[in-house]
Amino acid sequence: MTSKDITAPTGGVMTDEVGTITGDLTLRPDVSAAGDVSLQVQYQGAAEWYRVTGAHIKVDPNNSDAVANAETELLNRF
């Protein structure tokens, strides 16, 4: 799984769990067994991960190309 370090854009990154977070962050895609590819974010070096609000794509979990494309698309939003 690929991750990406960023500095939060103006206004921060909205999460489902804790609202907006700002600063130096790490993003990573997460794939569920049902084929939901979502984007997670954490403060760099922290243990907790949060789901980025609205950043999810439904794919066939058995189609590795579709999963990889969804992961790349989500990461490229930042």
Protein backbone atom coordinates (compact mmCIF):
# COMPACT_ATOMS: atom_id res chain seq x y z
CA MET A 1 0.00 0.00 0.00
CA THR A 2 1.32 3.41 -0.97
CA SER A 3 1.28 6.41 1.33
CA LYS A 4 1.89 10.09 0.65
CA ASP A 5 3.16 12.85 2.95
CA ILE A 6 1.59 16.27 2.46
CA THR A 7 1.14 19.61 4.17
CA ALA A 8 -2.59 20.16 4.54
CA PRO A 9 -4.08 22.51 1.95
CA THR A 10 -5.72 25.77 3.00
CA GLY A 11 -8.71 24.83 5.12
CA GLY A 12 -7.21 21.48 6.15
CA VAL A 13 -8.44 17.96 5.48
CA MET A 14 -11.95 17.05 6.66
CA THR A 15 -12.28 13.71 8.45
CA ASP A 16 -15.33 11.70 9.48
CA GLU A 17 -14.09 11.17 13.04
CA VAL A 18 -12.54 14.44 14.25
CA GLY A 19 -13.43 17.14 11.72
CA THR A 20 -10.72 19.19 10.04
CA ILE A 21 -7.04 18.49 10.62
CA THR A 22 -4.13 20.62 9.46
CA GLY A 23 -0.36 20.54 9.40
CA ASP A 24 2.01 17.82 8.19
CA LEU A 25 -0.03 14.74 7.33
CA THR A 26 0.30 11.28 5.83
CA LEU A 27 -2.35 9.89 3.48
CA ARG A 28 -2.88 6.21 2.66
CA PRO A 29 -5.57 4.28 0.82
CA ASP A 30 -7.44 1.51 2.62
CA VAL A 31 -9.24 -1.34 0.84
CA SER A 32 -12.04 -3.30 2.48
CA ALA A 33 -12.93 -6.89 1.60
CA ALA A 34 -16.13 -5.53 0.00
CA GLY A 35 -14.16 -3.36 -2.42
CA ASP A 36 -14.51 0.03 -0.77
CA VAL A 37 -11.31 1.98 -1.35
CA SER A 38 -11.12 4.91 1.05
CA LEU A 39 -8.49 7.46 1.92
CA GLN A 40 -7.16 7.68 5.46
CA VAL A 41 -5.08 10.46 6.99
CA GLN A 42 -2.94 10.87 10.08
CA TYR A 43 -0.68 13.50 11.58
CA GLN A 44 2.82 12.48 10.48
CA GLY A 45 4.24 10.07 13.04
CA ALA A 46 0.96 9.61 14.95
CA ALA A 47 -0.66 6.25 15.60
CA GLU A 48 -4.28 7.22 14.85
CA TRP A 49 -5.72 7.15 11.33
CA TYR A 50 -8.91 8.97 10.27
CA ARG A 51 -11.13 8.51 7.21
CA VAL A 52 -11.07 11.47 4.80
CA THR A 53 -14.65 12.65 4.33
CA GLY A 54 -16.01 11.87 0.86
CA ALA A 55 -12.84 10.15 -0.33
CA HIS A 56 -13.99 6.67 -1.26
CA ILE A 57 -14.52 4.65 -4.41
CA LYS A 58 -16.36 1.32 -4.77
CA VAL A 59 -14.55 -1.24 -6.95
CA ASP A 60 -14.46 -4.99 -7.52
CA PRO A 61 -12.03 -6.18 -4.81
CA ASN A 62 -10.91 -9.02 -7.08
CA ASN A 63 -9.81 -6.61 -9.82
CA SER A 64 -6.32 -5.54 -8.76
CA ASP A 65 -6.11 -2.94 -11.56
CA ALA A 66 -9.34 -1.29 -10.40
CA VAL A 67 -8.11 -1.25 -6.80
CA ALA A 68 -4.75 0.24 -7.81
CA ASN A 69 -6.42 2.86 -10.01
CA ALA A 70 -8.79 3.87 -7.19
CA GLU A 71 -5.89 4.16 -4.74
CA THR A 72 -3.95 6.36 -7.17
CA GLU A 73 -7.01 8.52 -7.92
CA LEU A 74 -7.64 9.16 -4.23
CA LEU A 75 -4.01 10.02 -3.49
CA ASN A 76 -3.85 12.36 -6.48
CA ARG A 77 -6.64 14.49 -5.01
CA PHE A 78 -3.98 15.97 -2.72
